């Protein structure tokens, strides 16, 4: 596996099996212990790979039943409203997200070095607040709590200039947040990313923190690209894998 992140290699191996037809839509993957044994990898790395493939719509984890290969045709379709948003505002939103990726990956690295216990507690509290807002389903509350989750990460970096740069992006991201947070199954597709970022900061693992930020924001970027592509395939937006390589 060389120096590449193990979860990335695992995700590629599983995807290769799907592309080769060895695993087909609807097939159930072996249990976590068995699959980890087959691939000769740790279960933590395997879980991260499965979360990534779940975010991308390749796999579906069904609680109490297992992990299944998702039928691409059954992936959530963007609503007409989201397609319209992505076609008209998508390119500008994509540029904002690219800048945001640069700022938040830097913040994640710095937070791993500088975050205090109270900073981490604040991040955890903001994550809980967002998930509580998700259960209530109020769009304005969802936007506000999501903003505060990411602001807590920026605050944990303890860099005033970085904080000012991020603050300048927040108003422009508000409509984008509203549109993506109300997508079908947004909770399972995006919310685990918050927990992944927090976990990496708690572990003082800068590489994992940056990777978690890239995969979380990159998934949002990918939703805009996918919706825009349905009506205008010439939009100049990057593929998810290109985003990962550019900002890791």
C-alpha atoms as a PDB file:
ATOM      1  CA  UNK A   1       0.000   0.000   0.000  1.00  0.00           C
ATOM      2  CA  UNK A   2       3.075   2.237   0.127  1.00  0.00           C
ATOM      3  CA  UNK A   3       2.593   5.667   1.699  1.00  0.00           C
ATOM      4  CA  UNK A   4      -0.998   6.157   0.588  1.00  0.00           C
ATOM      5  CA  UNK A   5      -3.725   6.326   3.275  1.00  0.00           C
ATOM      6  CA  UNK A   6      -4.963   2.811   3.960  1.00  0.00           C
ATOM      7  CA  UNK A   7      -8.694   3.751   3.829  1.00  0.00           C
ATOM      8  CA  UNK A   8      -8.181   5.186   0.338  1.00  0.00           C
ATOM      9  CA  UNK A   9      -6.603   1.939  -0.871  1.00  0.00           C
ATOM     10  CA  UNK A  10      -9.387  -0.125   0.699  1.00  0.00           C
ATOM     11  CA  UNK A  11     -12.026   2.050  -1.009  1.00  0.00           C
ATOM     12  CA  UNK A  12     -10.276   1.561  -4.355  1.00  0.00           C
ATOM     13  CA  UNK A  13     -10.122  -2.223  -3.854  1.00  0.00           C
ATOM     14  CA  UNK A  14     -13.838  -2.420  -3.106  1.00  0.00           C
ATOM     15  CA  UNK A  15     -14.671  -0.119  -6.023  1.00  0.00           C
ATOM     16  CA  UNK A  16     -12.528  -2.261  -8.335  1.00  0.00           C
ATOM     17  CA  UNK A  17     -14.494  -5.361  -7.287  1.00  0.00           C
ATOM     18  CA  UNK A  18     -17.734  -3.529  -8.117  1.00  0.00           C
ATOM     19  CA  UNK A  19     -16.428  -2.297 -11.487  1.00  0.00           C
ATOM     20  CA  UNK A  20     -15.248  -5.809 -12.344  1.00  0.00           C
ATOM     21  CA  UNK A  21     -18.700  -7.224 -11.593  1.00  0.00           C
ATOM     22  CA  UNK A  22     -17.464  -9.391  -8.725  1.00  0.00           C
ATOM     23  CA  UNK A  23     -19.713  -7.329  -6.456  1.00  0.00           C
ATOM     24  CA  UNK A  24     -23.074  -6.357  -7.949  1.00  0.00           C
ATOM     25  CA  UNK A  25     -25.808  -3.923  -6.880  1.00  0.00           C
ATOM     26  CA  UNK A  26     -27.665  -5.422  -3.936  1.00  0.00           C
ATOM     27  CA  UNK A  27     -24.806  -7.715  -2.888  1.00  0.00           C
ATOM     28  CA  UNK A  28     -24.003  -7.762   0.810  1.00  0.00           C
ATOM     29  CA  UNK A  29     -20.369  -7.292   1.832  1.00  0.00           C
ATOM     30  CA  UNK A  30     -18.834  -9.742   4.297  1.00  0.00           C
ATOM     31  CA  UNK A  31     -19.036  -8.790   7.961  1.00  0.00           C
ATOM     32  CA  UNK A  32     -16.557  -6.173   9.156  1.00  0.00           C
ATOM     33  CA  UNK A  33     -14.245  -8.685  10.914  1.00  0.00           C
ATOM     34  CA  UNK A  34     -14.295 -11.032   7.920  1.00  0.00           C
ATOM     35  CA  UNK A  35     -13.689  -8.280   5.354  1.00  0.00           C
ATOM     36  CA  UNK A  36     -10.858  -6.829   7.461  1.00  0.00           C
ATOM     37  CA  UNK A  37      -9.311 -10.311   7.606  1.00  0.00           C
ATOM     38  CA  UNK A  38      -9.663 -10.831   3.849  1.00  0.00           C
ATOM     39  CA  UNK A  39      -8.060  -7.466   3.052  1.00  0.00           C
ATOM     40  CA  UNK A  40      -5.505  -7.763   5.870  1.00  0.00           C
ATOM     41  CA  UNK A  41      -6.335  -4.301   7.193  1.00  0.00           C
ATOM     42  CA  UNK A  42      -7.441  -2.812  10.498  1.00  0.00           C
ATOM     43  CA  UNK A  43     -11.131  -2.437  11.230  1.00  0.00           C
ATOM     44  CA  UNK A  44     -10.780   1.316  11.868  1.00  0.00           C
ATOM     45  CA  UNK A  45      -9.366   1.865   8.357  1.00  0.00           C
ATOM     46  CA  UNK A  46     -12.064  -0.375   6.908  1.00  0.00           C
ATOM     47  CA  UNK A  47     -14.818   1.626   8.634  1.00  0.00           C
ATOM     48  CA  UNK A  48     -13.422   4.892   7.256  1.00  0.00           C
ATOM     49  CA  UNK A  49     -13.314   3.427   3.723  1.00  0.00           C
ATOM     50  CA  UNK A  50     -16.913   2.243   4.022  1.00  0.00           C
ATOM     51  CA  UNK A  51     -18.015   5.671   5.289  1.00  0.00           C
ATOM     52  CA  UNK A  52     -16.330   7.289   2.289  1.00  0.00           C
ATOM     53  CA  UNK A  53     -17.996   4.907  -0.168  1.00  0.00           C
ATOM     54  CA  UNK A  54     -21.300   5.509   1.602  1.00  0.00           C
ATOM     55  CA  UNK A  55     -20.879   9.265   1.120  1.00  0.00           C
ATOM     56  CA  UNK A  56     -20.205   8.689  -2.568  1.00  0.00           C
ATOM     57  CA  UNK A  57     -23.326   6.540  -2.907  1.00  0.00           C
ATOM     58  CA  UNK A  58     -21.341   3.398  -3.755  1.00  0.00           C
ATOM     59  CA  UNK A  59     -22.307   1.478  -0.602  1.00  0.00           C
ATOM     60  CA  UNK A  60     -25.263   1.618   1.754  1.00  0.00           C
ATOM     61  CA  UNK A  61     -24.996   0.669   5.429  1.00  0.00           C
ATOM     62  CA  UNK A  62     -28.284  -0.692   6.757  1.00  0.00           C
ATOM     63  CA  UNK A  63     -28.300  -0.788  10.538  1.00  0.00           C
ATOM     64  CA  UNK A  64     -28.807  -4.317  11.837  1.00  0.00           C
ATOM     65  CA  UNK A  65     -28.465  -5.873   8.372  1.00  0.00           C
ATOM     66  CA  UNK A  66     -25.036  -5.009   7.008  1.00  0.00           C
ATOM     67  CA  UNK A  67     -23.360  -3.153   4.148  1.00  0.00           C
ATOM     68  CA  UNK A  68     -24.672  -3.459   0.606  1.00  0.00           C
ATOM     69  CA  UNK A  69     -23.561  -2.390  -2.856  1.00  0.00           C
ATOM     70  CA  UNK A  70     -25.904   0.400  -3.891  1.00  0.00           C
ATOM     71  CA  UNK A  71     -27.578   0.399  -7.275  1.00  0.00           C
ATOM     72  CA  UNK A  72     -26.418   3.628  -9.004  1.00  0.00           C
ATOM     73  CA  UNK A  73     -29.910   4.054 -10.410  1.00  0.00           C
ATOM     74  CA  UNK A  74     -31.292   4.077  -6.867  1.00  0.00           C
ATOM     75  CA  UNK A  75     -29.037   6.882  -5.620  1.00  0.00           C
ATOM     76  CA  UNK A  76     -30.935   9.942  -4.363  1.00  0.00           C
ATOM     77  CA  UNK A  77     -31.832  12.220  -7.247  1.00  0.00           C
ATOM     78  CA  UNK A  78     -31.345  15.947  -6.765  1.00  0.00           C
ATOM     79  CA  UNK A  79     -34.593  17.849  -6.569  1.00  0.00           C
ATOM     80  CA  UNK A  80     -35.534  20.168  -9.465  1.00  0.00           C
ATOM     81  CA  UNK A  81     -34.888  23.096  -7.101  1.00  0.00           C
ATOM     82  CA  UNK A  82     -31.365  21.854  -6.360  1.00  0.00           C
ATOM     83  CA  UNK A  83     -30.639  21.254 -10.060  1.00  0.00           C
ATOM     84  CA  UNK A  84     -31.745  24.820 -10.800  1.00  0.00           C
ATOM     85  CA  UNK A  85     -29.572  26.165  -7.973  1.00  0.00           C
ATOM     86  CA  UNK A  86     -26.552  24.143  -9.125  1.00  0.00           C
ATOM     87  CA  UNK A  87     -26.938  25.256 -12.721  1.00  0.00           C
ATOM     88  CA  UNK A  88     -27.227  28.956 -11.918  1.00  0.00           C
ATOM     89  CA  UNK A  89     -25.267  29.420  -8.683  1.00  0.00           C
ATOM     90  CA  UNK A  90     -23.214  26.221  -8.785  1.00  0.00           C
ATOM     91  CA  UNK A  91     -20.043  27.608 -10.415  1.00  0.00           C
ATOM     92  CA  UNK A  92     -19.823  30.439  -7.879  1.00  0.00           C
ATOM     93  CA  UNK A  93     -20.571  28.030  -5.022  1.00  0.00           C
ATOM     94  CA  UNK A  94     -17.853  25.695  -6.303  1.00  0.00           C
ATOM     95  CA  UNK A  95     -15.284  28.495  -6.206  1.00  0.00           C
ATOM     96  CA  UNK A  96     -16.331  29.374  -2.661  1.00  0.00           C
ATOM     97  CA  UNK A  97     -15.981  25.728  -1.649  1.00  0.00           C
ATOM     98  CA  UNK A  98     -12.514  25.500  -3.176  1.00  0.00           C
ATOM     99  CA  UNK A  99     -11.401  28.499  -1.100  1.00  0.00           C
ATOM    100  CA  UNK A 100     -13.178  27.071   1.923  1.00  0.00           C
ATOM    101  CA  UNK A 101     -11.288  23.802   1.494  1.00  0.00           C
ATOM    102  CA  UNK A 102      -7.975  25.647   1.604  1.00  0.00           C
ATOM    103  CA  UNK A 103      -8.972  27.511   4.772  1.00  0.00           C
ATOM    104  CA  UNK A 104     -10.534  24.577   6.617  1.00  0.00           C
ATOM    105  CA  UNK A 105      -7.748  22.116   5.842  1.00  0.00           C
ATOM    106  CA  UNK A 106      -5.274  24.657   7.249  1.00  0.00           C
ATOM    107  CA  UNK A 107      -7.519  25.171  10.278  1.00  0.00           C
ATOM    108  CA  UNK A 108      -7.785  21.414  10.835  1.00  0.00           C
ATOM    109  CA  UNK A 109      -4.003  21.032  10.878  1.00  0.00           C
ATOM    110  CA  UNK A 110      -3.534  23.960  13.247  1.00  0.00           C
ATOM    111  CA  UNK A 111      -6.340  22.744  15.501  1.00  0.00           C
ATOM    112  CA  UNK A 112      -4.529  19.433  15.924  1.00  0.00           C
ATOM    113  CA  UNK A 113      -1.593  21.425  17.316  1.00  0.00           C
ATOM    114  CA  UNK A 114      -3.378  24.162  19.250  1.00  0.00           C
ATOM    115  CA  UNK A 115      -6.868  23.040  20.263  1.00  0.00           C
ATOM    116  CA  UNK A 116      -7.495  23.019  24.002  1.00  0.00           C
ATOM    117  CA  UNK A 117      -9.813  20.648  25.795  1.00  0.00           C
ATOM    118  CA  UNK A 118     -12.472  23.361  25.860  1.00  0.00           C
ATOM    119  CA  UNK A 119     -12.075  23.869  22.099  1.00  0.00           C
ATOM    120  CA  UNK A 120     -12.736  20.163  21.525  1.00  0.00           C
ATOM    121  CA  UNK A 121     -15.687  20.208  23.914  1.00  0.00           C
ATOM    122  CA  UNK A 122     -17.105  23.168  21.978  1.00  0.00           C
ATOM    123  CA  UNK A 123     -16.731  21.296  18.683  1.00  0.00           C
ATOM    124  CA  UNK A 124     -18.489  18.256  20.157  1.00  0.00           C
ATOM    125  CA  UNK A 125     -21.314  20.435  21.523  1.00  0.00           C
ATOM    126  CA  UNK A 126     -21.819  22.126  18.150  1.00  0.00           C
ATOM    127  CA  UNK A 127     -21.986  18.690  16.450  1.00  0.00           C
ATOM    128  CA  UNK A 128     -24.672  17.573  18.903  1.00  0.00           C
ATOM    129  CA  UNK A 129     -26.620  20.771  18.347  1.00  0.00           C
ATOM    130  CA  UNK A 130     -26.550  20.270  14.592  1.00  0.00           C
ATOM    131  CA  UNK A 131     -27.755  16.689  14.853  1.00  0.00           C
ATOM    132  CA  UNK A 132     -30.558  17.803  17.178  1.00  0.00           C
ATOM    133  CA  UNK A 133     -31.526  20.457  14.628  1.00  0.00           C
ATOM    134  CA  UNK A 134     -31.524  17.765  11.955  1.00  0.00           C
ATOM    135  CA  UNK A 135     -34.110  15.795  13.897  1.00  0.00           C
ATOM    136  CA  UNK A 136     -36.335  18.891  14.125  1.00  0.00           C
ATOM    137  CA  UNK A 137     -35.912  19.601  10.406  1.00  0.00           C
ATOM    138  CA  UNK A 138     -35.968  23.410  10.518  1.00  0.00           C
ATOM    139  CA  UNK A 139     -33.889  24.730   7.561  1.00  0.00           C
ATOM    140  CA  UNK A 140     -32.834  27.973   9.268  1.00  0.00           C
ATOM    141  CA  UNK A 141     -31.723  26.113  12.390  1.00  0.00           C
ATOM    142  CA  UNK A 142     -29.840  23.575  10.279  1.00  0.00           C
ATOM    143  CA  UNK A 143     -27.940  26.338   8.484  1.00  0.00           C
ATOM    144  CA  UNK A 144     -27.096  28.106  11.731  1.00  0.00           C
ATOM    145  CA  UNK A 145     -25.906  24.991  13.552  1.00  0.00           C
ATOM    146  CA  UNK A 146     -23.828  23.857  10.564  1.00  0.00           C
ATOM    147  CA  UNK A 147     -22.150  27.275  10.455  1.00  0.00           C
ATOM    148  CA  UNK A 148     -21.327  26.953  14.153  1.00  0.00           C
ATOM    149  CA  UNK A 149     -19.850  23.459  13.743  1.00  0.00           C
ATOM    150  CA  UNK A 150     -17.344  24.742  11.199  1.00  0.00           C
ATOM    151  CA  UNK A 151     -16.744  27.974  13.093  1.00  0.00           C
ATOM    152  CA  UNK A 152     -15.752  25.877  16.119  1.00  0.00           C
ATOM    153  CA  UNK A 153     -13.062  24.208  13.991  1.00  0.00           C
ATOM    154  CA  UNK A 154     -11.803  27.586  12.787  1.00  0.00           C
ATOM    155  CA  UNK A 155     -11.754  28.882  16.371  1.00  0.00           C
ATOM    156  CA  UNK A 156      -9.741  25.849  17.487  1.00  0.00           C
ATOM    157  CA  UNK A 157      -6.950  26.835  15.072  1.00  0.00           C
ATOM    158  CA  UNK A 158      -6.324  30.044  17.079  1.00  0.00           C
ATOM    159  CA  UNK A 159      -5.343  32.090  14.043  1.00  0.00           C
ATOM    160  CA  UNK A 160      -7.111  35.453  13.791  1.00  0.00           C
ATOM    161  CA  UNK A 161      -6.308  36.050  10.116  1.00  0.00           C
ATOM    162  CA  UNK A 162      -7.622  32.614   9.186  1.00  0.00           C
ATOM    163  CA  UNK A 163     -10.753  33.378  11.196  1.00  0.00           C
ATOM    164  CA  UNK A 164     -11.263  36.670   9.338  1.00  0.00           C
ATOM    165  CA  UNK A 165     -10.791  35.001   5.961  1.00  0.00           C
ATOM    166  CA  UNK A 166     -13.339  32.340   6.823  1.00  0.00           C
ATOM    167  CA  UNK A 167     -15.836  34.900   8.136  1.00  0.00           C
ATOM    168  CA  UNK A 168     -15.765  36.617   4.742  1.00  0.00           C
ATOM    169  CA  UNK A 169     -17.002  33.388   3.095  1.00  0.00           C
ATOM    170  CA  UNK A 170     -19.873  32.600   5.453  1.00  0.00           C
ATOM    171  CA  UNK A 171     -22.548  34.906   3.954  1.00  0.00           C
ATOM    172  CA  UNK A 172     -21.854  33.617   0.453  1.00  0.00           C
ATOM    173  CA  UNK A 173     -22.180  30.010   1.631  1.00  0.00           C
ATOM    174  CA  UNK A 174     -25.528  30.467   3.359  1.00  0.00           C
ATOM    175  CA  UNK A 175     -27.756  29.673   0.381  1.00  0.00           C
ATOM    176  CA  UNK A 176     -25.536  26.744  -0.573  1.00  0.00           C
ATOM    177  CA  UNK A 177     -25.790  25.370   2.963  1.00  0.00           C
ATOM    178  CA  UNK A 178     -29.574  25.649   2.902  1.00  0.00           C
ATOM    179  CA  UNK A 179     -29.819  23.781  -0.399  1.00  0.00           C
ATOM    180  CA  UNK A 180     -27.433  20.938   0.470  1.00  0.00           C
ATOM    181  CA  UNK A 181     -28.599  20.448   4.063  1.00  0.00           C
ATOM    182  CA  UNK A 182     -32.116  19.736   2.829  1.00  0.00           C
ATOM    183  CA  UNK A 183     -31.085  17.110   0.277  1.00  0.00           C
ATOM    184  CA  UNK A 184     -32.470  13.596   0.622  1.00  0.00           C
ATOM    185  CA  UNK A 185     -30.554  11.553   3.221  1.00  0.00           C
ATOM    186  CA  UNK A 186     -28.270  14.524   3.944  1.00  0.00           C
ATOM    187  CA  UNK A 187     -27.863  13.318   7.520  1.00  0.00           C
ATOM    188  CA  UNK A 188     -26.217  10.029   6.559  1.00  0.00           C
ATOM    189  CA  UNK A 189     -24.342  11.529   3.615  1.00  0.00           C
ATOM    190  CA  UNK A 190     -22.801  14.586   5.313  1.00  0.00           C
ATOM    191  CA  UNK A 191     -23.255  14.666   9.106  1.00  0.00           C
ATOM    192  CA  UNK A 192     -20.747  11.862   9.858  1.00  0.00           C
ATOM    193  CA  UNK A 193     -18.072  14.141   8.367  1.00  0.00           C
ATOM    194  CA  UNK A 194     -18.398  16.470  11.355  1.00  0.00           C
ATOM    195  CA  UNK A 195     -17.715  13.588  13.717  1.00  0.00           C
ATOM    196  CA  UNK A 196     -14.752  12.421  11.631  1.00  0.00           C
ATOM    197  CA  UNK A 197     -13.159  15.891  11.823  1.00  0.00           C
ATOM    198  CA  UNK A 198     -13.707  16.082  15.580  1.00  0.00           C
ATOM    199  CA  UNK A 199     -12.262  12.596  16.106  1.00  0.00           C
ATOM    200  CA  UNK A 200      -9.111  13.447  14.164  1.00  0.00           C
ATOM    201  CA  UNK A 201      -8.602  16.705  16.085  1.00  0.00           C
ATOM    202  CA  UNK A 202      -9.059  14.872  19.390  1.00  0.00           C
ATOM    203  CA  UNK A 203      -6.402  12.382  18.249  1.00  0.00           C
ATOM    204  CA  UNK A 204      -4.077  15.227  17.180  1.00  0.00           C
ATOM    205  CA  UNK A 205      -3.869  13.536  13.774  1.00  0.00           C
ATOM    206  CA  UNK A 206      -3.408  16.377  11.286  1.00  0.00           C
ATOM    207  CA  UNK A 207      -3.366  14.173   8.181  1.00  0.00           C
ATOM    208  CA  UNK A 208      -6.641  12.488   9.145  1.00  0.00           C
ATOM    209  CA  UNK A 209      -8.177  15.852  10.071  1.00  0.00           C
ATOM    210  CA  UNK A 210      -7.332  17.334   6.663  1.00  0.00           C
ATOM    211  CA  UNK A 211      -8.613  14.212   4.935  1.00  0.00           C
ATOM    212  CA  UNK A 212     -11.882  14.341   6.887  1.00  0.00           C
ATOM    213  CA  UNK A 213     -12.378  18.003   5.912  1.00  0.00           C
ATOM    214  CA  UNK A 214     -11.665  17.273   2.248  1.00  0.00           C
ATOM    215  CA  UNK A 215     -14.039  14.323   2.122  1.00  0.00           C
ATOM    216  CA  UNK A 216     -16.799  16.210   3.937  1.00  0.00           C
ATOM    217  CA  UNK A 217     -16.652  19.414   1.885  1.00  0.00           C
ATOM    218  CA  UNK A 218     -15.710  17.496  -1.265  1.00  0.00           C
ATOM    219  CA  UNK A 219     -18.926  15.481  -0.966  1.00  0.00           C
ATOM    220  CA  UNK A 220     -20.914  18.723  -0.849  1.00  0.00           C
ATOM    221  CA  UNK A 221     -18.989  20.019  -3.880  1.00  0.00           C
ATOM    222  CA  UNK A 222     -19.754  16.744  -5.642  1.00  0.00           C
ATOM    223  CA  UNK A 223     -23.490  17.165  -5.090  1.00  0.00           C
ATOM    224  CA  UNK A 224     -23.423  20.531  -6.859  1.00  0.00           C
ATOM    225  CA  UNK A 225     -21.351  19.147  -9.707  1.00  0.00           C
ATOM    226  CA  UNK A 226     -23.645  16.148 -10.170  1.00  0.00           C
ATOM    227  CA  UNK A 227     -26.797  18.275 -10.206  1.00  0.00           C
ATOM    228  CA  UNK A 228     -25.290  20.867 -12.564  1.00  0.00           C
ATOM    229  CA  UNK A 229     -24.040  18.132 -14.886  1.00  0.00           C
ATOM    230  CA  UNK A 230     -27.586  16.830 -15.393  1.00  0.00           C
ATOM    231  CA  UNK A 231     -28.536  19.987 -17.250  1.00  0.00           C
ATOM    232  CA  UNK A 232     -25.181  21.418 -18.347  1.00  0.00           C
ATOM    233  CA  UNK A 233     -22.315  18.913 -18.601  1.00  0.00           C
ATOM    234  CA  UNK A 234     -19.727  21.566 -19.526  1.00  0.00           C
ATOM    235  CA  UNK A 235     -19.600  23.146 -16.058  1.00  0.00           C
ATOM    236  CA  UNK A 236     -15.944  23.552 -15.050  1.00  0.00           C
ATOM    237  CA  UNK A 237     -16.116  21.689 -11.749  1.00  0.00           C
ATOM    238  CA  UNK A 238     -13.673  19.084 -10.519  1.00  0.00           C
ATOM    239  CA  UNK A 239     -14.418  15.415  -9.913  1.00  0.00           C
ATOM    240  CA  UNK A 240     -14.518  14.272  -6.273  1.00  0.00           C
ATOM    241  CA  UNK A 241     -11.241  12.332  -6.641  1.00  0.00           C
ATOM    242  CA  UNK A 242      -9.537  15.420  -8.100  1.00  0.00           C
ATOM    243  CA  UNK A 243     -10.700  17.486  -5.122  1.00  0.00           C
ATOM    244  CA  UNK A 244      -9.271  14.876  -2.736  1.00  0.00           C
ATOM    245  CA  UNK A 245      -5.903  14.868  -4.522  1.00  0.00           C
ATOM    246  CA  UNK A 246      -5.743  18.663  -4.736  1.00  0.00           C
ATOM    247  CA  UNK A 247      -6.406  19.415  -1.064  1.00  0.00           C
ATOM    248  CA  UNK A 248      -5.146  16.401   0.877  1.00  0.00           C
END
